[in-house]
Amino acid sequence: MNKSANQIWKESGTTLSFKDWLSREKEKFSNADGQVDNFIQNKPLNDSIQKTLEAMKKDSGLKEDISNKTIFGINQNVIIVGGVIILGAIVYKFYQSRKS
């Protein structure tokens, strides 16, 4: 019978919150590089932990795809328009100082 991570957490009788317990269980099965070992004793628990972690990533709004439409998180069009305005202001000031 495959038990979910939540069921195993409840049966463990731990005083840790589910999130802390899940992190601790994941650390138990990971090596120094942060990669999960292939020799995990409790396969259903590992599968349940991985599903729970994936659900947590999805619920938190973590984006995995990379968009090339931003620079430092700012839309490229905003940066281009701002750059043109700043450059125009510099050229205008330079022109005004030369004219006087």
PDB file of N, CA and C in Angstrom:
ATOM      1  N   MET A   1       0.839  -1.182   0.000  1.00  0.00           N
ATOM      2  CA  MET A   1       0.000   0.000   0.000  1.00  0.00           C
ATOM      3  C   MET A   1       0.883   1.243   0.000  1.00  0.00           C
ATOM      4  N   ASN A   2       0.670   2.103  -0.967  1.00  0.00           N
ATOM      5  CA  ASN A   2       1.433   3.337  -1.057  1.00  0.00           C
ATOM      6  C   ASN A   2       0.776   4.408  -0.213  1.00  0.00           C
ATOM      7  N   LYS A   3       1.548   4.998   0.670  1.00  0.00           N
ATOM      8  CA  LYS A   3       1.040   6.065   1.527  1.00  0.00           C
ATOM      9  C   LYS A   3       1.561   7.397   1.022  1.00  0.00           C
ATOM     10  N   SER A   4       0.751   8.423   1.195  1.00  0.00           N
ATOM     11  CA  SER A   4       1.186   9.760   0.798  1.00  0.00           C
ATOM     12  C   SER A   4       2.136  10.307   1.859  1.00  0.00           C
ATOM     13  N   ALA A   5       2.860  11.344   1.492  1.00  0.00           N
ATOM     14  CA  ALA A   5       3.788  11.967   2.435  1.00  0.00           C
ATOM     15  C   ALA A   5       3.032  12.518   3.633  1.00  0.00           C
ATOM     16  N   ASN A   6       1.831  13.024   3.395  1.00  0.00           N
ATOM     17  CA  ASN A   6       1.026  13.575   4.484  1.00  0.00           C
ATOM     18  C   ASN A   6       0.654  12.476   5.483  1.00  0.00           C
ATOM     19  N   GLN A   7       0.283  11.293   4.988  1.00  0.00           N
ATOM     20  CA  GLN A   7      -0.069  10.182   5.871  1.00  0.00           C
ATOM     21  C   GLN A   7       1.147   9.724   6.677  1.00  0.00           C
ATOM     22  N   ILE A   8       2.283   9.647   6.026  1.00  0.00           N
ATOM     23  CA  ILE A   8       3.503   9.213   6.721  1.00  0.00           C
ATOM     24  C   ILE A   8       3.892  10.237   7.780  1.00  0.00           C
ATOM     25  N   TRP A   9       3.733  11.523   7.459  1.00  0.00           N
ATOM     26  CA  TRP A   9       4.029  12.594   8.418  1.00  0.00           C
ATOM     27  C   TRP A   9       3.141  12.477   9.648  1.00  0.00           C
ATOM     28  N   LYS A  10       1.844  12.226   9.427  1.00  0.00           N
ATOM     29  CA  LYS A  10       0.917  12.092  10.550  1.00  0.00           C
ATOM     30  C   LYS A  10       1.268  10.880  11.416  1.00  0.00           C
ATOM     31  N   GLU A  11       1.661   9.784  10.776  1.00  0.00           N
ATOM     32  CA  GLU A  11       1.990   8.569  11.510  1.00  0.00           C
ATOM     33  C   GLU A  11       3.326   8.666  12.238  1.00  0.00           C
ATOM     34  N   SER A  12       4.192   9.567  11.778  1.00  0.00           N
ATOM     35  CA  SER A  12       5.514   9.664  12.405  1.00  0.00           C
ATOM     36  C   SER A  12       5.437  10.255  13.808  1.00  0.00           C
ATOM     37  N   GLY A  13       4.400  11.018  14.093  1.00  0.00           N
ATOM     38  CA  GLY A  13       4.244  11.598  15.423  1.00  0.00           C
ATOM     39  C   GLY A  13       5.235  12.720  15.701  1.00  0.00           C
ATOM     40  N   THR A  14       5.777  13.316  14.680  1.00  0.00           N
ATOM     41  CA  THR A  14       6.758  14.381  14.850  1.00  0.00           C
ATOM     42  C   THR A  14       6.085  15.680  15.291  1.00  0.00           C
ATOM     43  N   THR A  15       6.859  16.545  15.907  1.00  0.00           N
ATOM     44  CA  THR A  15       6.341  17.856  16.311  1.00  0.00           C
ATOM     45  C   THR A  15       6.624  18.914  15.250  1.00  0.00           C
ATOM     46  N   LEU A  16       7.340  18.526  14.190  1.00  0.00           N
ATOM     47  CA  LEU A  16       7.656  19.458  13.112  1.00  0.00           C
ATOM     48  C   LEU A  16       6.421  19.724  12.265  1.00  0.00           C
ATOM     49  N   SER A  17       6.381  20.913  11.644  1.00  0.00           N
ATOM     50  CA  SER A  17       5.314  21.187  10.682  1.00  0.00           C
ATOM     51  C   SER A  17       5.559  20.319   9.457  1.00  0.00           C
ATOM     52  N   PHE A  18       4.527  20.149   8.632  1.00  0.00           N
ATOM     53  CA  PHE A  18       4.662  19.293   7.459  1.00  0.00           C
ATOM     54  C   PHE A  18       5.772  19.791   6.535  1.00  0.00           C
ATOM     55  N   LYS A  19       5.826  21.111   6.343  1.00  0.00           N
ATOM     56  CA  LYS A  19       6.838  21.684   5.451  1.00  0.00           C
ATOM     57  C   LYS A  19       8.251  21.393   5.973  1.00  0.00           C
ATOM     58  N   ASP A  20       8.462  21.597   7.280  1.00  0.00           N
ATOM     59  CA  ASP A  20       9.781  21.332   7.864  1.00  0.00           C
ATOM     60  C   ASP A  20      10.120  19.846   7.807  1.00  0.00           C
ATOM     61  N   TRP A  21       9.131  19.011   8.100  1.00  0.00           N
ATOM     62  CA  TRP A  21       9.355  17.562   8.062  1.00  0.00           C
ATOM     63  C   TRP A  21       9.699  17.113   6.652  1.00  0.00           C
ATOM     64  N   LEU A  22       8.991  17.661   5.649  1.00  0.00           N
ATOM     65  CA  LEU A  22       9.235  17.299   4.257  1.00  0.00           C
ATOM     66  C   LEU A  22      10.648  17.709   3.840  1.00  0.00           C
ATOM     67  N   SER A  23      11.072  18.894   4.257  1.00  0.00           N
ATOM     68  CA  SER A  23      12.432  19.355   3.946  1.00  0.00           C
ATOM     69  C   SER A  23      13.463  18.435   4.585  1.00  0.00           C
ATOM     70  N   ARG A  24      13.217  18.046   5.844  1.00  0.00           N
ATOM     71  CA  ARG A  24      14.142  17.161   6.533  1.00  0.00           C
ATOM     72  C   ARG A  24      14.221  15.803   5.843  1.00  0.00           C
ATOM     73  N   GLU A  25      13.083  15.247   5.434  1.00  0.00           N
ATOM     74  CA  GLU A  25      13.072  13.956   4.746  1.00  0.00           C
ATOM     75  C   GLU A  25      13.810  14.044   3.422  1.00  0.00           C
ATOM     76  N   LYS A  26      13.634  15.149   2.719  1.00  0.00           N
ATOM     77  CA  LYS A  26      14.337  15.316   1.446  1.00  0.00           C
ATOM     78  C   LYS A  26      15.841  15.389   1.674  1.00  0.00           C
ATOM     79  N   GLU A  27      16.254  16.096   2.731  1.00  0.00           N
ATOM     80  CA  GLU A  27      17.685  16.208   3.038  1.00  0.00           C
ATOM     81  C   GLU A  27      18.277  14.857   3.424  1.00  0.00           C
ATOM     82  N   LYS A  28      17.485  14.012   4.043  1.00  0.00           N
ATOM     83  CA  LYS A  28      17.967  12.681   4.415  1.00  0.00           C
ATOM     84  C   LYS A  28      18.396  11.892   3.183  1.00  0.00           C
ATOM     85  N   PHE A  29      17.679  12.087   2.084  1.00  0.00           N
ATOM     86  CA  PHE A  29      17.929  11.298   0.889  1.00  0.00           C
ATOM     87  C   PHE A  29      18.748  12.029  -0.164  1.00  0.00           C
ATOM     88  N   SER A  30      19.316  13.162   0.192  1.00  0.00           N
ATOM     89  CA  SER A  30      20.135  13.874  -0.778  1.00  0.00           C
ATOM     90  C   SER A  30      21.597  13.827  -0.349  1.00  0.00           C
ATOM     91  N   ASN A  31      22.477  13.887  -1.326  1.00  0.00           N
ATOM     92  CA  ASN A  31      23.910  13.865  -1.025  1.00  0.00           C
ATOM     93  C   ASN A  31      24.437  15.293  -0.945  1.00  0.00           C
ATOM     94  N   ALA A  32      25.727  15.452  -0.853  1.00  0.00           N
ATOM     95  CA  ALA A  32      26.331  16.777  -0.665  1.00  0.00           C
ATOM     96  C   ALA A  32      26.088  17.695  -1.860  1.00  0.00           C
ATOM     97  N   ASP A  33      25.883  17.127  -3.040  1.00  0.00           N
ATOM     98  CA  ASP A  33      25.637  17.941  -4.229  1.00  0.00           C
ATOM     99  C   ASP A  33      24.193  18.408  -4.328  1.00  0.00           C
ATOM    100  N   GLY A  34      23.328  17.927  -3.437  1.00  0.00           N
ATOM    101  CA  GLY A  34      21.925  18.301  -3.488  1.00  0.00           C
ATOM    102  C   GLY A  34      21.100  17.407  -4.383  1.00  0.00           C
ATOM    103  N   GLN A  35      21.745  16.405  -4.980  1.00  0.00           N
ATOM    104  CA  GLN A  35      21.031  15.477  -5.847  1.00  0.00           C
ATOM    105  C   GLN A  35      20.477  14.327  -5.017  1.00  0.00           C
ATOM    106  N   VAL A  36      19.263  13.912  -5.337  1.00  0.00           N
ATOM    107  CA  VAL A  36      18.644  12.816  -4.603  1.00  0.00           C
ATOM    108  C   VAL A  36      19.324  11.515  -5.016  1.00  0.00           C
ATOM    109  N   ASP A  37      19.700  10.717  -4.014  1.00  0.00           N
ATOM    110  CA  ASP A  37      20.352   9.435  -4.287  1.00  0.00           C
ATOM    111  C   ASP A  37      19.402   8.489  -4.993  1.00  0.00           C
ATOM    112  N   ASN A  38      19.970   7.613  -5.817  1.00  0.00           N
ATOM    113  CA  ASN A  38      19.160   6.614  -6.511  1.00  0.00           C
ATOM    114  C   ASN A  38      18.825   5.428  -5.623  1.00  0.00           C
ATOM    115  N   PHE A  39      19.486   5.289  -4.505  1.00  0.00           N
ATOM    116  CA  PHE A  39      19.295   4.141  -3.633  1.00  0.00           C
ATOM    117  C   PHE A  39      18.404   4.519  -2.449  1.00  0.00           C
ATOM    118  N   ILE A  40      17.217   4.943  -2.746  1.00  0.00           N
ATOM    119  CA  ILE A  40      16.300   5.368  -1.697  1.00  0.00           C
ATOM    120  C   ILE A  40      15.529   4.153  -1.211  1.00  0.00           C
ATOM    121  N   GLN A  41      15.478   4.013   0.104  1.00  0.00           N
ATOM    122  CA  GLN A  41      14.848   2.843   0.700  1.00  0.00           C
ATOM    123  C   GLN A  41      13.333   2.873   0.567  1.00  0.00           C
ATOM    124  N   ASN A  42      12.728   4.033   0.731  1.00  0.00           N
ATOM    125  CA  ASN A  42      11.280   4.146   0.738  1.00  0.00           C
ATOM    126  C   ASN A  42      10.835   4.839  -0.541  1.00  0.00           C
ATOM    127  N   LYS A  43      10.680   4.088  -1.629  1.00  0.00           N
ATOM    128  CA  LYS A  43      10.343   4.642  -2.930  1.00  0.00           C
ATOM    129  C   LYS A  43       9.002   5.370  -2.932  1.00  0.00           C
ATOM    130  N   PRO A  44       7.936   4.828  -2.340  1.00  0.00           N
ATOM    131  CA  PRO A  44       6.666   5.573  -2.330  1.00  0.00           C
ATOM    132  C   PRO A  44       6.773   6.917  -1.612  1.00  0.00           C
ATOM    133  N   LEU A  45       7.550   6.952  -0.534  1.00  0.00           N
ATOM    134  CA  LEU A  45       7.738   8.217   0.179  1.00  0.00           C
ATOM    135  C   LEU A  45       8.447   9.216  -0.715  1.00  0.00           C
ATOM    136  N   ASN A  46       9.495   8.781  -1.411  1.00  0.00           N
ATOM    137  CA  ASN A  46      10.230   9.675  -2.294  1.00  0.00           C
ATOM    138  C   ASN A  46       9.324  10.197  -3.407  1.00  0.00           C
ATOM    139  N   ASP A  47       8.533   9.322  -4.007  1.00  0.00           N
ATOM    140  CA  ASP A  47       7.623   9.758  -5.067  1.00  0.00           C
ATOM    141  C   ASP A  47       6.638  10.790  -4.530  1.00  0.00           C
ATOM    142  N   SER A  48       6.130  10.539  -3.350  1.00  0.00           N
ATOM    143  CA  SER A  48       5.174  11.452  -2.746  1.00  0.00           C
ATOM    144  C   SER A  48       5.829  12.798  -2.435  1.00  0.00           C
ATOM    145  N   ILE A  49       7.054  12.766  -1.947  1.00  0.00           N
ATOM    146  CA  ILE A  49       7.785  14.000  -1.652  1.00  0.00           C
ATOM    147  C   ILE A  49       8.020  14.787  -2.938  1.00  0.00           C
ATOM    148  N   GLN A  50       8.431  14.093  -4.000  1.00  0.00           N
ATOM    149  CA  GLN A  50       8.686  14.780  -5.265  1.00  0.00           C
ATOM    150  C   GLN A  50       7.410  15.411  -5.813  1.00  0.00           C
ATOM    151  N   LYS A  51       6.287  14.688  -5.719  1.00  0.00           N
ATOM    152  CA  LYS A  51       5.013  15.241  -6.200  1.00  0.00           C
ATOM    153  C   LYS A  51       4.617  16.458  -5.376  1.00  0.00           C
ATOM    154  N   THR A  52       4.825  16.378  -4.074  1.00  0.00           N
ATOM    155  CA  THR A  52       4.483  17.497  -3.200  1.00  0.00           C
ATOM    156  C   THR A  52       5.363  18.704  -3.508  1.00  0.00           C
ATOM    157  N   LEU A  53       6.655  18.486  -3.732  1.00  0.00           N
ATOM    158  CA  LEU A  53       7.560  19.593  -4.070  1.00  0.00           C
ATOM    159  C   LEU A  53       7.179  20.232  -5.401  1.00  0.00           C
ATOM    160  N   GLU A  54       6.806  19.407  -6.383  1.00  0.00           N
ATOM    161  CA  GLU A  54       6.390  19.942  -7.675  1.00  0.00           C
ATOM    162  C   GLU A  54       5.118  20.764  -7.526  1.00  0.00           C
ATOM    163  N   ALA A  55       4.187  20.286  -6.705  1.00  0.00           N
ATOM    164  CA  ALA A  55       2.948  21.026  -6.464  1.00  0.00           C
ATOM    165  C   ALA A  55       3.242  22.348  -5.759  1.00  0.00           C
ATOM    166  N   MET A  56       4.199  22.336  -4.812  1.00  0.00           N
ATOM    167  CA  MET A  56       4.566  23.563  -4.108  1.00  0.00           C
ATOM    168  C   MET A  56       5.183  24.575  -5.076  1.00  0.00           C
ATOM    169  N   LYS A  57       6.029  24.107  -6.007  1.00  0.00           N
ATOM    170  CA  LYS A  57       6.625  25.001  -7.003  1.00  0.00           C
ATOM    171  C   LYS A  57       5.548  25.599  -7.895  1.00  0.00           C
ATOM    172  N   LYS A  58       4.599  24.759  -8.317  1.00  0.00           N
ATOM    173  CA  LYS A  58       3.528  25.229  -9.192  1.00  0.00           C
ATOM    174  C   LYS A  58       2.650  26.237  -8.470  1.00  0.00           C
ATOM    175  N   ASP A  59       2.299  25.956  -7.219  1.00  0.00           N
ATOM    176  CA  ASP A  59       1.435  26.852  -6.449  1.00  0.00           C
ATOM    177  C   ASP A  59       2.111  28.176  -6.130  1.00  0.00           C
ATOM    178  N   SER A  60       3.440  28.163  -6.013  1.00  0.00           N
ATOM    179  CA  SER A  60       4.145  29.396  -5.673  1.00  0.00           C
ATOM    180  C   SER A  60       4.330  30.311  -6.879  1.00  0.00           C
ATOM    181  N   GLY A  61       4.035  29.808  -8.075  1.00  0.00           N
ATOM    182  CA  GLY A  61       4.154  30.636  -9.273  1.00  0.00           C
ATOM    183  C   GLY A  61       5.561  30.671  -9.829  1.00  0.00           C
ATOM    184  N   LEU A  62       6.378  29.690  -9.499  1.00  0.00           N
ATOM    185  CA  LEU A  62       7.746  29.638  -9.991  1.00  0.00           C
ATOM    186  C   LEU A  62       7.737  29.412 -11.496  1.00  0.00           C
ATOM    187  N   LYS A  63       8.400  30.295 -12.217  1.00  0.00           N
ATOM    188  CA  LYS A  63       8.474  30.159 -13.669  1.00  0.00           C
ATOM    189  C   LYS A  63       9.723  29.385 -14.036  1.00  0.00           C
ATOM    190  N   GLU A  64       9.542  28.383 -14.888  1.00  0.00           N
ATOM    191  CA  GLU A  64      10.685  27.594 -15.324  1.00  0.00           C
ATOM    192  C   GLU A  64      11.112  27.954 -16.739  1.00  0.00           C
ATOM    193  N   ASP A  65      10.207  28.579 -17.506  1.00  0.00           N
ATOM    194  CA  ASP A  65      10.576  28.978 -18.854  1.00  0.00           C
ATOM    195  C   ASP A  65      11.248  30.345 -18.819  1.00  0.00           C
ATOM    196  N   ILE A  66      12.172  30.544 -19.734  1.00  0.00           N
ATOM    197  CA  ILE A  66      12.947  31.778 -19.768  1.00  0.00           C
ATOM    198  C   ILE A  66      12.411  32.659 -20.891  1.00  0.00           C
ATOM    199  N   SER A  67      12.119  33.899 -20.564  1.00  0.00           N
ATOM    200  CA  SER A  67      11.622  34.847 -21.549  1.00  0.00           C
ATOM    201  C   SER A  67      12.756  35.789 -21.938  1.00  0.00           C
ATOM    202  N   ASN A  68      12.921  35.998 -23.225  1.00  0.00           N
ATOM    203  CA  ASN A  68      13.959  36.914 -23.702  1.00  0.00           C
ATOM    204  C   ASN A  68      13.393  38.305 -23.957  1.00  0.00           C
ATOM    205  N   LYS A  69      12.214  38.599 -23.402  1.00  0.00           N
ATOM    206  CA  LYS A  69      11.574  39.885 -23.623  1.00  0.00           C
ATOM    207  C   LYS A  69      11.827  40.865 -22.482  1.00  0.00           C
ATOM    208  N   THR A  70      12.658  40.486 -21.521  1.00  0.00           N
ATOM    209  CA  THR A  70      12.935  41.367 -20.395  1.00  0.00           C
ATOM    210  C   THR A  70      14.437  41.498 -20.175  1.00  0.00           C
ATOM    211  N   ILE A  71      14.822  42.617 -19.573  1.00  0.00           N
ATOM    212  CA  ILE A  71      16.196  42.855 -19.153  1.00  0.00           C
ATOM    213  C   ILE A  71      16.128  43.221 -17.686  1.00  0.00           C
ATOM    214  N   PHE A  72      16.726  42.422 -16.824  1.00  0.00           N
ATOM    215  CA  PHE A  72      16.665  42.608 -15.373  1.00  0.00           C
ATOM    216  C   PHE A  72      15.214  42.688 -14.895  1.00  0.00           C
ATOM    217  N   GLY A  73      14.323  41.945 -15.547  1.00  0.00           N
ATOM    218  CA  GLY A  73      12.930  41.902 -15.142  1.00  0.00           C
ATOM    219  C   GLY A  73      12.088  43.046 -15.676  1.00  0.00           C
ATOM    220  N   ILE A  74      12.673  43.905 -16.501  1.00  0.00           N
ATOM    221  CA  ILE A  74      11.945  45.043 -17.072  1.00  0.00           C
ATOM    222  C   ILE A  74      11.760  44.792 -18.563  1.00  0.00           C
ATOM    223  N   ASN A  75      10.568  45.058 -19.055  1.00  0.00           N
ATOM    224  CA  ASN A  75      10.251  44.857 -20.460  1.00  0.00           C
ATOM    225  C   ASN A  75      11.233  45.640 -21.336  1.00  0.00           C
ATOM    226  N   GLN A  76      11.688  45.007 -22.418  1.00  0.00           N
ATOM    227  CA  GLN A  76      12.664  45.638 -23.316  1.00  0.00           C
ATOM    228  C   GLN A  76      12.130  46.929 -23.919  1.00  0.00           C
ATOM    229  N   ASN A  77      10.846  46.969 -24.250  1.00  0.00           N
ATOM    230  CA  ASN A  77      10.278  48.175 -24.857  1.00  0.00           C
ATOM    231  C   ASN A  77      10.351  49.357 -23.899  1.00  0.00           C
ATOM    232  N   VAL A  78      10.127  49.124 -22.619  1.00  0.00           N
ATOM    233  CA  VAL A  78      10.207  50.200 -21.622  1.00  0.00           C
ATOM    234  C   VAL A  78      11.635  50.732 -21.546  1.00  0.00           C
ATOM    235  N   ILE A  79      12.606  49.835 -21.570  1.00  0.00           N
ATOM    236  CA  ILE A  79      14.012  50.251 -21.507  1.00  0.00           C
ATOM    237  C   ILE A  79      14.393  51.040 -22.752  1.00  0.00           C
ATOM    238  N   ILE A  80      13.929  50.614 -23.919  1.00  0.00           N
ATOM    239  CA  ILE A  80      14.268  51.312 -25.168  1.00  0.00           C
ATOM    240  C   ILE A  80      13.656  52.708 -25.175  1.00  0.00           C
ATOM    241  N   VAL A  81      12.381  52.823 -24.823  1.00  0.00           N
ATOM    242  CA  VAL A  81      11.722  54.127 -24.803  1.00  0.00           C
ATOM    243  C   VAL A  81      12.390  55.035 -23.775  1.00  0.00           C
ATOM    244  N   GLY A  82      12.695  54.513 -22.598  1.00  0.00           N
ATOM    245  CA  GLY A  82      13.371  55.310 -21.576  1.00  0.00           C
ATOM    246  C   GLY A  82      14.743  55.762 -22.038  1.00  0.00           C
ATOM    247  N   GLY A  83      15.471  54.882 -22.712  1.00  0.00           N
ATOM    248  CA  GLY A  83      16.795  55.242 -23.228  1.00  0.00           C
ATOM    249  C   GLY A  83      16.725  56.332 -24.281  1.00  0.00           C
ATOM    250  N   VAL A  84      15.728  56.259 -25.145  1.00  0.00           N
ATOM    251  CA  VAL A  84      15.553  57.284 -26.185  1.00  0.00           C
ATOM    252  C   VAL A  84      15.228  58.628 -25.544  1.00  0.00           C
ATOM    253  N   ILE A  85      14.366  58.616 -24.517  1.00  0.00           N
ATOM    254  CA  ILE A  85      14.012  59.865 -23.838  1.00  0.00           C
ATOM    255  C   ILE A  85      15.231  60.470 -23.144  1.00  0.00           C
ATOM    256  N   ILE A  86      16.002  59.651 -22.455  1.00  0.00           N
ATOM    257  CA  ILE A  86      17.204  60.148 -21.772  1.00  0.00           C
ATOM    258  C   ILE A  86      18.224  60.668 -22.776  1.00  0.00           C
ATOM    259  N   LEU A  87      18.439  59.929 -23.850  1.00  0.00           N
ATOM    260  CA  LEU A  87      19.379  60.360 -24.882  1.00  0.00           C
ATOM    261  C   LEU A  87      18.910  61.666 -25.510  1.00  0.00           C
ATOM    262  N   GLY A  88      17.607  61.792 -25.763  1.00  0.00           N
ATOM    263  CA  GLY A  88      17.061  63.034 -26.311  1.00  0.00           C
ATOM    264  C   GLY A  88      17.276  64.201 -25.369  1.00  0.00           C
ATOM    265  N   ALA A  89      17.101  63.980 -24.066  1.00  0.00           N
ATOM    266  CA  ALA A  89      17.308  65.046 -23.090  1.00  0.00           C
ATOM    267  C   ALA A  89      18.767  65.481 -23.059  1.00  0.00           C
ATOM    268  N   ILE A  90      19.688  64.528 -23.136  1.00  0.00           N
ATOM    269  CA  ILE A  90      21.121  64.847 -23.132  1.00  0.00           C
ATOM    270  C   ILE A  90      21.485  65.651 -24.380  1.00  0.00           C
ATOM    271  N   VAL A  91      20.987  65.218 -25.541  1.00  0.00           N
ATOM    272  CA  VAL A  91      21.267  65.930 -26.792  1.00  0.00           C
ATOM    273  C   VAL A  91      20.672  67.335 -26.739  1.00  0.00           C
ATOM    274  N   TYR A  92      19.468  67.483 -26.198  1.00  0.00           N
ATOM    275  CA  TYR A  92      18.821  68.796 -26.090  1.00  0.00           C
ATOM    276  C   TYR A  92      19.636  69.723 -25.192  1.00  0.00           C
ATOM    277  N   LYS A  93      20.082  69.222 -24.029  1.00  0.00           N
ATOM    278  CA  LYS A  93      20.894  70.040 -23.117  1.00  0.00           C
ATOM    279  C   LYS A  93      22.213  70.440 -23.775  1.00  0.00           C
ATOM    280  N   PHE A  94      22.831  69.513 -24.487  1.00  0.00           N
ATOM    281  CA  PHE A  94      24.083  69.801 -25.183  1.00  0.00           C
ATOM    282  C   PHE A  94      23.856  70.871 -26.246  1.00  0.00           C
ATOM    283  N   TYR A  95      22.754  70.753 -26.989  1.00  0.00           N
ATOM    284  CA  TYR A  95      22.416  71.725 -28.021  1.00  0.00           C
ATOM    285  C   TYR A  95      22.161  73.094 -27.396  1.00  0.00           C
ATOM    286  N   GLN A  96      21.436  73.160 -26.286  1.00  0.00           N
ATOM    287  CA  GLN A  96      21.139  74.413 -25.607  1.00  0.00           C
ATOM    288  C   GLN A  96      22.414  75.099 -25.109  1.00  0.00           C
ATOM    289  N   SER A  97      23.339  74.296 -24.564  1.00  0.00           N
ATOM    290  CA  SER A  97      24.586  74.880 -24.053  1.00  0.00           C
ATOM    291  C   SER A  97      25.466  75.394 -25.194  1.00  0.00           C
ATOM    292  N   ARG A  98      25.433  74.777 -26.341  1.00  0.00           N
ATOM    293  CA  ARG A  98      26.218  75.219 -27.504  1.00  0.00           C
ATOM    294  C   ARG A  98      25.584  76.449 -28.148  1.00  0.00           C
ATOM    295  N   LYS A  99      24.286  76.542 -28.082  1.00  0.00           N
ATOM    296  CA  LYS A  99      23.557  77.638 -28.708  1.00  0.00           C
ATOM    297  C   LYS A  99      23.811  78.954 -27.960  1.00  0.00           C
ATOM    298  N   SER A 100      23.998  78.897 -26.663  1.00  0.00           N
ATOM    299  CA  SER A 100      24.166  80.114 -25.853  1.00  0.00           C
ATOM    300  C   SER A 100      25.514  80.709 -25.964  1.00  0.00           C
TER     301      SER A 100
END
